[in-house]
């Protein structure tokens, strides 16, 4: 059994003259990313590897998760920037089988489209710093085809601020 956690980057800024790839996180985004990582840890959700789009806002979100999941291996994978469903599939197929619990950090619309495709739902639209967790009935990541996965949870930063 494998567990895949999909994370959309936290809230980012749109400073004038900065290319999309280099956009930074806002202070609110940084706060949400730290809070979301802590929330997952409190829920007992393990993460062994963090794989991020190399875009600044996604990678910075990933680094904030790494502050909570200090032992997790961290890497970037360029196809996760502006990823389509096939890019997520390729990324998943390349994950080392030594990892059971892996988080991918990416962007909309791709992350929402991918989640909806394999969750059997058409209602999920990832907010910034939204997290979706799948349980996948496989032993090897290269065997992932979507048929064996179940969406187990979906968290929005708004969920963390409700009593």
N, C-alpha and C. Protein backbone atom coordinates (compact mmCIF):
# COMPACT_ATOMS: atom_id res chain seq x y z
N UNK A 1 0.85 -1.19 0.00
CA UNK A 1 0.00 0.00 0.00
C UNK A 1 0.89 1.24 0.00
N UNK A 2 0.64 2.14 -0.94
CA UNK A 2 1.37 3.41 -1.03
C UNK A 2 0.42 4.55 -0.69
N UNK A 3 0.99 5.66 -0.24
CA UNK A 3 0.20 6.85 0.08
C UNK A 3 0.80 8.05 -0.65
N UNK A 4 -0.06 8.72 -1.43
CA UNK A 4 0.35 9.88 -2.21
C UNK A 4 -0.37 11.10 -1.68
N UNK A 5 0.39 12.14 -1.36
CA UNK A 5 -0.15 13.39 -0.86
C UNK A 5 0.12 14.46 -1.92
N UNK A 6 -0.93 15.09 -2.38
CA UNK A 6 -0.79 16.16 -3.37
C UNK A 6 -0.98 17.50 -2.68
N UNK A 7 -0.04 18.42 -2.91
CA UNK A 7 -0.07 19.72 -2.25
C UNK A 7 0.03 20.81 -3.32
N UNK A 8 -0.96 21.69 -3.34
CA UNK A 8 -0.84 22.86 -4.19
C UNK A 8 -0.01 23.89 -3.44
N UNK A 9 0.84 24.60 -4.14
CA UNK A 9 1.68 25.62 -3.49
C UNK A 9 0.81 26.59 -2.69
N UNK A 10 1.41 27.19 -1.68
CA UNK A 10 0.72 28.16 -0.83
C UNK A 10 0.52 29.47 -1.59
N UNK A 11 -0.24 30.38 -0.99
CA UNK A 11 -0.58 31.66 -1.61
C UNK A 11 0.68 32.42 -2.01
N UNK A 12 0.68 32.86 -3.26
CA UNK A 12 1.86 33.55 -3.77
C UNK A 12 1.53 34.97 -4.19
N UNK A 13 2.59 35.75 -4.30
CA UNK A 13 2.47 37.14 -4.67
C UNK A 13 2.65 37.28 -6.19
N UNK A 14 2.26 38.43 -6.73
CA UNK A 14 2.40 38.74 -8.14
C UNK A 14 3.19 40.05 -8.29
N UNK A 15 4.43 40.10 -7.82
CA UNK A 15 5.17 41.36 -7.91
C UNK A 15 5.45 41.74 -9.37
N UNK A 16 5.38 43.02 -9.61
CA UNK A 16 5.63 43.53 -10.96
C UNK A 16 7.05 43.21 -11.39
N UNK A 17 7.18 42.75 -12.64
CA UNK A 17 8.48 42.46 -13.20
C UNK A 17 9.06 41.10 -12.82
N UNK A 18 8.32 40.30 -12.06
CA UNK A 18 8.81 38.97 -11.67
C UNK A 18 8.10 37.93 -12.54
N UNK A 19 8.87 37.08 -13.18
CA UNK A 19 8.30 36.03 -14.02
C UNK A 19 7.53 35.02 -13.17
N UNK A 20 6.54 34.38 -13.79
CA UNK A 20 5.69 33.42 -13.08
C UNK A 20 6.51 32.40 -12.30
N UNK A 21 7.54 31.85 -12.90
CA UNK A 21 8.36 30.80 -12.28
C UNK A 21 8.98 31.27 -10.96
N UNK A 22 9.27 32.55 -10.86
CA UNK A 22 9.98 33.09 -9.70
C UNK A 22 9.10 33.75 -8.66
N UNK A 23 7.78 33.67 -8.82
CA UNK A 23 6.89 34.34 -7.87
C UNK A 23 7.09 33.83 -6.45
N UNK A 24 7.18 34.73 -5.47
CA UNK A 24 7.38 34.33 -4.07
C UNK A 24 6.05 34.06 -3.35
N UNK A 25 6.16 33.43 -2.21
CA UNK A 25 5.01 33.25 -1.33
C UNK A 25 4.72 34.55 -0.59
N UNK A 26 3.44 34.76 -0.28
CA UNK A 26 3.07 35.86 0.60
C UNK A 26 3.33 35.42 2.05
N UNK A 27 3.29 36.36 2.96
CA UNK A 27 3.42 36.00 4.39
C UNK A 27 2.28 35.07 4.80
N UNK A 28 1.08 35.35 4.30
CA UNK A 28 -0.07 34.50 4.59
C UNK A 28 0.17 33.08 4.05
N UNK A 29 0.73 32.99 2.86
CA UNK A 29 1.05 31.69 2.27
C UNK A 29 2.06 30.92 3.10
N UNK A 30 3.08 31.60 3.57
CA UNK A 30 4.09 30.95 4.42
C UNK A 30 3.45 30.41 5.69
N UNK A 31 2.59 31.22 6.29
CA UNK A 31 1.90 30.82 7.51
C UNK A 31 1.01 29.60 7.26
N UNK A 32 0.28 29.62 6.15
CA UNK A 32 -0.60 28.49 5.81
C UNK A 32 0.19 27.20 5.56
N UNK A 33 1.32 27.31 4.88
CA UNK A 33 2.12 26.13 4.59
C UNK A 33 2.64 25.50 5.88
N UNK A 34 3.15 26.32 6.77
CA UNK A 34 3.64 25.80 8.06
C UNK A 34 2.50 25.17 8.86
N UNK A 35 1.35 25.83 8.87
CA UNK A 35 0.20 25.31 9.62
C UNK A 35 -0.31 24.01 9.01
N UNK A 36 -0.34 23.92 7.68
CA UNK A 36 -0.84 22.71 7.02
C UNK A 36 0.10 21.54 7.29
N UNK A 37 1.40 21.77 7.21
CA UNK A 37 2.36 20.70 7.50
C UNK A 37 2.19 20.21 8.95
N UNK A 38 2.04 21.13 9.87
CA UNK A 38 1.84 20.76 11.28
C UNK A 38 0.53 19.99 11.45
N UNK A 39 -0.51 20.41 10.75
CA UNK A 39 -1.81 19.73 10.82
C UNK A 39 -1.68 18.27 10.35
N UNK A 40 -1.00 18.06 9.24
CA UNK A 40 -0.82 16.69 8.73
C UNK A 40 -0.05 15.84 9.73
N UNK A 41 0.99 16.41 10.30
CA UNK A 41 1.80 15.68 11.28
C UNK A 41 0.94 15.32 12.51
N UNK A 42 0.12 16.27 12.98
CA UNK A 42 -0.77 16.02 14.12
C UNK A 42 -1.77 14.92 13.82
N UNK A 43 -2.18 14.80 12.55
CA UNK A 43 -3.13 13.76 12.13
C UNK A 43 -2.44 12.41 11.97
N UNK A 44 -1.13 12.36 12.18
CA UNK A 44 -0.40 11.11 12.07
C UNK A 44 -0.05 10.73 10.64
N UNK A 45 -0.08 11.71 9.74
CA UNK A 45 0.24 11.45 8.33
C UNK A 45 1.75 11.52 8.16
N UNK A 46 2.32 10.40 7.73
CA UNK A 46 3.76 10.30 7.52
C UNK A 46 4.12 10.75 6.11
N UNK A 47 5.28 11.36 5.97
CA UNK A 47 5.81 11.70 4.65
C UNK A 47 7.30 11.37 4.67
N UNK A 48 7.71 10.53 3.72
CA UNK A 48 9.11 10.14 3.62
C UNK A 48 9.87 10.91 2.54
N UNK A 49 9.15 11.38 1.53
CA UNK A 49 9.79 12.10 0.42
C UNK A 49 8.90 13.26 -0.01
N UNK A 50 9.54 14.38 -0.30
CA UNK A 50 8.87 15.59 -0.77
C UNK A 50 9.43 15.89 -2.16
N UNK A 51 8.57 15.88 -3.17
CA UNK A 51 9.01 16.13 -4.54
C UNK A 51 8.24 17.34 -5.05
N UNK A 52 8.98 18.37 -5.46
CA UNK A 52 8.37 19.64 -5.79
C UNK A 52 8.65 20.10 -7.21
N UNK A 53 7.70 20.85 -7.73
CA UNK A 53 7.96 21.68 -8.89
C UNK A 53 9.13 22.59 -8.51
N UNK A 54 10.01 22.90 -9.46
CA UNK A 54 11.12 23.80 -9.12
C UNK A 54 10.73 25.28 -9.05
N UNK A 55 9.49 25.61 -9.40
CA UNK A 55 9.05 27.01 -9.32
C UNK A 55 9.15 27.49 -7.88
N UNK A 56 9.55 28.73 -7.69
CA UNK A 56 9.83 29.28 -6.37
C UNK A 56 8.69 29.04 -5.37
N UNK A 57 7.45 29.35 -5.77
CA UNK A 57 6.34 29.25 -4.81
C UNK A 57 6.07 27.81 -4.38
N UNK A 58 6.22 26.85 -5.28
CA UNK A 58 6.02 25.44 -4.92
C UNK A 58 7.18 24.94 -4.07
N UNK A 59 8.41 25.26 -4.48
CA UNK A 59 9.57 24.79 -3.75
C UNK A 59 9.63 25.40 -2.35
N UNK A 60 9.27 26.67 -2.21
CA UNK A 60 9.25 27.30 -0.89
C UNK A 60 8.19 26.63 0.00
N UNK A 61 7.04 26.29 -0.58
CA UNK A 61 6.01 25.54 0.18
C UNK A 61 6.59 24.21 0.65
N UNK A 62 7.28 23.54 -0.26
CA UNK A 62 7.91 22.26 0.06
C UNK A 62 8.93 22.42 1.20
N UNK A 63 9.73 23.47 1.14
CA UNK A 63 10.72 23.71 2.20
C UNK A 63 10.06 23.93 3.56
N UNK A 64 8.91 24.60 3.57
CA UNK A 64 8.20 24.82 4.83
C UNK A 64 7.64 23.50 5.37
N UNK A 65 7.23 22.59 4.50
CA UNK A 65 6.81 21.25 4.94
C UNK A 65 8.02 20.49 5.48
N UNK A 66 9.17 20.69 4.85
CA UNK A 66 10.38 20.00 5.28
C UNK A 66 10.80 20.43 6.69
N UNK A 67 10.46 21.64 7.09
CA UNK A 67 10.75 22.07 8.45
C UNK A 67 10.00 21.23 9.48
N UNK A 68 8.85 20.68 9.09
CA UNK A 68 8.06 19.81 9.96
C UNK A 68 8.46 18.34 9.76
N UNK A 69 8.65 17.96 8.51
CA UNK A 69 9.05 16.59 8.16
C UNK A 69 10.55 16.58 7.86
N UNK A 70 11.34 16.79 8.89
CA UNK A 70 12.78 17.00 8.76
C UNK A 70 13.52 15.80 8.15
N UNK A 71 13.04 14.60 8.37
CA UNK A 71 13.73 13.41 7.89
C UNK A 71 13.36 13.05 6.45
N UNK A 72 12.36 13.72 5.91
CA UNK A 72 11.92 13.41 4.54
C UNK A 72 12.97 13.85 3.53
N UNK A 73 13.16 13.04 2.50
CA UNK A 73 14.05 13.40 1.40
C UNK A 73 13.35 14.47 0.57
N UNK A 74 14.10 15.43 0.07
CA UNK A 74 13.52 16.54 -0.68
C UNK A 74 14.19 16.62 -2.06
N UNK A 75 13.37 16.84 -3.09
CA UNK A 75 13.90 16.98 -4.44
C UNK A 75 12.93 17.79 -5.28
N UNK A 76 13.42 18.23 -6.44
CA UNK A 76 12.55 18.91 -7.41
C UNK A 76 12.47 18.05 -8.67
N UNK A 77 11.37 18.24 -9.39
CA UNK A 77 11.18 17.53 -10.65
C UNK A 77 10.50 18.49 -11.62
N UNK A 78 11.22 18.98 -12.63
CA UNK A 78 10.70 20.02 -13.52
C UNK A 78 9.32 19.77 -14.13
N UNK A 79 8.94 18.54 -14.50
CA UNK A 79 7.61 18.36 -15.08
C UNK A 79 6.45 18.71 -14.15
N UNK A 80 6.70 18.91 -12.86
CA UNK A 80 5.62 19.29 -11.94
C UNK A 80 5.25 20.77 -12.06
N UNK A 81 6.04 21.54 -12.82
CA UNK A 81 5.69 22.94 -13.08
C UNK A 81 4.74 22.97 -14.27
N UNK A 82 3.56 23.56 -14.07
CA UNK A 82 2.50 23.58 -15.10
C UNK A 82 2.18 22.17 -15.59
N UNK A 83 2.10 21.25 -14.67
CA UNK A 83 1.91 19.83 -15.00
C UNK A 83 0.51 19.52 -15.50
N UNK A 84 0.47 18.56 -16.42
CA UNK A 84 -0.77 17.97 -16.89
C UNK A 84 -0.89 16.60 -16.23
N UNK A 85 -2.01 15.94 -16.41
CA UNK A 85 -2.23 14.64 -15.79
C UNK A 85 -1.10 13.66 -16.13
N UNK A 86 -0.65 13.66 -17.38
CA UNK A 86 0.42 12.74 -17.80
C UNK A 86 1.74 13.04 -17.08
N UNK A 87 1.98 14.30 -16.74
CA UNK A 87 3.20 14.66 -16.00
C UNK A 87 3.15 14.11 -14.57
N UNK A 88 1.96 14.13 -13.96
CA UNK A 88 1.82 13.54 -12.63
C UNK A 88 2.05 12.03 -12.70
N UNK A 89 1.48 11.40 -13.74
CA UNK A 89 1.67 9.95 -13.91
C UNK A 89 3.16 9.62 -14.05
N UNK A 90 3.86 10.36 -14.90
CA UNK A 90 5.28 10.13 -15.11
C UNK A 90 6.06 10.31 -13.80
N UNK A 91 5.72 11.34 -13.06
CA UNK A 91 6.39 11.60 -11.78
C UNK A 91 6.17 10.44 -10.82
N UNK A 92 4.94 10.00 -10.70
CA UNK A 92 4.61 8.89 -9.78
C UNK A 92 5.35 7.62 -10.19
N UNK A 93 5.38 7.34 -11.47
CA UNK A 93 6.06 6.12 -11.95
C UNK A 93 7.56 6.14 -11.67
N UNK A 94 8.13 7.31 -11.46
CA UNK A 94 9.57 7.44 -11.22
C UNK A 94 9.94 7.41 -9.73
N UNK A 95 8.95 7.39 -8.84
CA UNK A 95 9.24 7.41 -7.40
C UNK A 95 9.91 6.10 -6.99
N UNK A 96 10.91 6.21 -6.15
CA UNK A 96 11.63 5.05 -5.62
C UNK A 96 10.69 4.24 -4.74
N UNK A 97 10.65 2.94 -4.96
CA UNK A 97 9.74 2.06 -4.21
C UNK A 97 10.09 1.95 -2.73
N UNK A 98 11.25 2.44 -2.33
CA UNK A 98 11.59 2.46 -0.90
C UNK A 98 10.68 3.41 -0.13
N UNK A 99 10.07 4.37 -0.84
CA UNK A 99 9.18 5.34 -0.22
C UNK A 99 7.74 4.86 -0.29
N UNK A 100 7.09 4.83 0.86
CA UNK A 100 5.68 4.45 0.94
C UNK A 100 4.79 5.68 0.95
N UNK A 101 5.24 6.75 1.58
CA UNK A 101 4.45 7.98 1.75
C UNK A 101 5.18 9.15 1.09
N UNK A 102 4.60 9.66 -0.01
CA UNK A 102 5.26 10.69 -0.80
C UNK A 102 4.33 11.87 -1.02
N UNK A 103 4.88 13.09 -0.91
CA UNK A 103 4.12 14.31 -1.20
C UNK A 103 4.67 14.96 -2.46
N UNK A 104 3.75 15.35 -3.36
CA UNK A 104 4.09 16.09 -4.57
C UNK A 104 3.57 17.51 -4.44
N UNK A 105 4.40 18.49 -4.79
CA UNK A 105 4.04 19.91 -4.70
C UNK A 105 3.96 20.47 -6.12
N UNK A 106 2.78 20.99 -6.46
CA UNK A 106 2.59 21.45 -7.83
C UNK A 106 1.62 22.62 -7.88
N UNK A 107 0.97 22.80 -9.03
CA UNK A 107 0.19 23.99 -9.34
C UNK A 107 -1.19 23.61 -9.90
N UNK A 108 -2.09 24.60 -9.87
CA UNK A 108 -3.37 24.45 -10.56
C UNK A 108 -3.16 24.88 -12.00
N UNK A 109 -3.88 24.39 -12.89
CA UNK A 109 -5.07 23.56 -12.88
C UNK A 109 -4.72 22.07 -12.83
N UNK A 110 -3.48 21.75 -13.12
CA UNK A 110 -3.07 20.36 -13.22
C UNK A 110 -3.35 19.53 -11.98
N UNK A 111 -3.06 20.07 -10.80
CA UNK A 111 -3.22 19.29 -9.58
C UNK A 111 -4.71 19.00 -9.31
N UNK A 112 -5.57 19.97 -9.60
CA UNK A 112 -7.02 19.74 -9.44
C UNK A 112 -7.52 18.74 -10.46
N UNK A 113 -7.10 18.88 -11.71
CA UNK A 113 -7.53 17.96 -12.76
C UNK A 113 -7.10 16.53 -12.45
N UNK A 114 -5.86 16.37 -12.02
CA UNK A 114 -5.34 15.04 -11.69
C UNK A 114 -6.12 14.42 -10.53
N UNK A 115 -6.36 15.21 -9.50
CA UNK A 115 -7.10 14.70 -8.33
C UNK A 115 -8.52 14.31 -8.71
N UNK A 116 -9.19 15.13 -9.48
CA UNK A 116 -10.56 14.81 -9.90
C UNK A 116 -10.60 13.56 -10.77
N UNK A 117 -9.61 13.38 -11.61
CA UNK A 117 -9.55 12.21 -12.49
C UNK A 117 -9.50 10.92 -11.68
N UNK A 118 -8.70 10.91 -10.62
CA UNK A 118 -8.49 9.68 -9.87
C UNK A 118 -9.28 9.59 -8.57
N UNK A 119 -9.99 10.63 -8.21
CA UNK A 119 -10.81 10.56 -6.99
C UNK A 119 -12.23 10.15 -7.31
N UNK A 120 -12.60 10.21 -8.60
CA UNK A 120 -13.96 9.91 -8.99
C UNK A 120 -14.92 11.04 -8.68
N UNK A 121 -14.36 12.21 -8.38
CA UNK A 121 -15.18 13.38 -8.04
C UNK A 121 -14.85 14.51 -9.01
N UNK A 122 -15.82 15.35 -9.26
CA UNK A 122 -15.58 16.52 -10.10
C UNK A 122 -15.78 17.80 -9.31
N UNK A 123 -15.64 17.71 -8.02
CA UNK A 123 -15.94 18.86 -7.17
C UNK A 123 -14.71 19.44 -6.50
N UNK A 124 -13.56 18.80 -6.66
CA UNK A 124 -12.37 19.26 -5.96
C UNK A 124 -11.65 20.29 -6.80
N UNK A 125 -11.51 21.47 -6.25
CA UNK A 125 -10.66 22.50 -6.82
C UNK A 125 -9.70 22.91 -5.72
N UNK A 126 -8.43 22.63 -5.93
CA UNK A 126 -7.44 22.90 -4.90
C UNK A 126 -7.31 24.39 -4.63
N UNK A 127 -7.53 24.81 -3.38
CA UNK A 127 -7.17 26.18 -3.01
C UNK A 127 -5.66 26.21 -2.83
N UNK A 128 -5.08 27.39 -2.73
CA UNK A 128 -3.66 27.44 -2.43
C UNK A 128 -3.42 26.76 -1.09
N UNK A 129 -2.38 25.94 -1.06
CA UNK A 129 -1.98 25.12 0.09
C UNK A 129 -3.01 24.04 0.44
N UNK A 130 -3.88 23.70 -0.51
CA UNK A 130 -4.79 22.57 -0.33
C UNK A 130 -4.00 21.27 -0.41
N UNK A 131 -4.50 20.25 0.29
CA UNK A 131 -3.82 18.96 0.36
C UNK A 131 -4.85 17.84 0.15
N UNK A 132 -4.52 16.93 -0.76
CA UNK A 132 -5.35 15.74 -0.97
C UNK A 132 -4.50 14.51 -0.75
N UNK A 133 -5.04 13.54 -0.02
CA UNK A 133 -4.29 12.32 0.28
C UNK A 133 -4.95 11.09 -0.28
N UNK A 134 -4.20 10.32 -1.06
CA UNK A 134 -4.68 9.08 -1.67
C UNK A 134 -4.01 7.87 -1.03
N UNK A 135 -4.78 6.82 -0.87
CA UNK A 135 -4.24 5.50 -0.54
C UNK A 135 -4.29 4.71 -1.83
N UNK A 136 -3.17 4.05 -2.17
CA UNK A 136 -3.07 3.36 -3.45
C UNK A 136 -2.67 1.92 -3.20
N UNK A 137 -3.48 1.00 -3.68
CA UNK A 137 -3.25 -0.43 -3.46
C UNK A 137 -2.25 -0.98 -4.49
N UNK A 138 -0.98 -0.59 -4.31
CA UNK A 138 0.12 -1.07 -5.15
C UNK A 138 1.34 -1.28 -4.27
N UNK A 139 2.27 -2.08 -4.76
CA UNK A 139 3.55 -2.26 -4.08
C UNK A 139 4.65 -1.46 -4.76
N UNK A 140 4.50 -1.23 -6.07
CA UNK A 140 5.49 -0.50 -6.86
C UNK A 140 4.84 0.72 -7.49
N UNK A 141 5.50 1.87 -7.36
CA UNK A 141 4.94 3.10 -7.91
C UNK A 141 4.73 3.02 -9.42
N UNK A 142 5.58 2.27 -10.12
CA UNK A 142 5.44 2.18 -11.57
C UNK A 142 4.16 1.47 -11.98
N UNK A 143 3.52 0.79 -11.04
CA UNK A 143 2.26 0.09 -11.32
C UNK A 143 1.03 0.99 -11.18
N UNK A 144 1.23 2.23 -10.76
CA UNK A 144 0.10 3.14 -10.59
C UNK A 144 -0.58 3.42 -11.93
N UNK A 145 -1.90 3.22 -11.95
CA UNK A 145 -2.67 3.59 -13.15
C UNK A 145 -3.96 4.30 -12.77
N UNK A 146 -4.17 4.52 -11.49
CA UNK A 146 -5.34 5.26 -11.03
C UNK A 146 -6.48 4.38 -10.59
N UNK A 147 -6.52 3.14 -11.05
CA UNK A 147 -7.63 2.25 -10.69
C UNK A 147 -7.61 1.85 -9.23
N UNK A 148 -6.44 1.85 -8.63
CA UNK A 148 -6.28 1.31 -7.29
C UNK A 148 -6.25 2.38 -6.19
N UNK A 149 -6.66 3.60 -6.51
CA UNK A 149 -6.52 4.64 -5.49
C UNK A 149 -7.85 5.15 -4.96
N UNK A 150 -7.78 5.56 -3.70
CA UNK A 150 -8.95 6.10 -3.00
C UNK A 150 -8.53 7.41 -2.33
N UNK A 151 -9.30 8.46 -2.57
CA UNK A 151 -9.05 9.72 -1.89
C UNK A 151 -9.49 9.56 -0.44
N UNK A 152 -8.55 9.70 0.49
CA UNK A 152 -8.85 9.49 1.91
C UNK A 152 -9.13 10.79 2.66
N UNK A 153 -8.55 11.90 2.19
CA UNK A 153 -8.79 13.18 2.85
C UNK A 153 -8.48 14.32 1.89
N UNK A 154 -9.08 15.45 2.21
CA UNK A 154 -8.82 16.69 1.47
C UNK A 154 -8.91 17.83 2.47
N UNK A 155 -7.82 18.59 2.59
CA UNK A 155 -7.78 19.69 3.54
C UNK A 155 -7.49 21.01 2.81
N UNK A 156 -8.19 22.03 3.26
CA UNK A 156 -7.97 23.40 2.80
C UNK A 156 -7.45 24.19 4.00
N UNK A 157 -6.65 25.22 3.77
CA UNK A 157 -6.23 26.04 4.91
C UNK A 157 -7.40 26.56 5.73
N UNK A 158 -8.55 26.78 5.10
CA UNK A 158 -9.74 27.23 5.85
C UNK A 158 -10.17 26.19 6.89
N UNK A 159 -9.92 24.90 6.61
CA UNK A 159 -10.27 23.84 7.55
C UNK A 159 -9.48 23.94 8.85
N UNK A 160 -8.32 24.56 8.78
CA UNK A 160 -7.45 24.67 9.96
C UNK A 160 -7.88 25.78 10.89
N UNK A 161 -8.73 26.68 10.41
CA UNK A 161 -9.15 27.83 11.21
C UNK A 161 -10.55 27.70 11.76
N UNK A 162 -11.15 26.52 11.59
CA UNK A 162 -12.48 26.31 12.15
C UNK A 162 -12.35 25.55 13.46
N UNK A 163 -13.16 25.89 14.45
CA UNK A 163 -13.05 25.25 15.75
C UNK A 163 -13.48 23.79 15.73
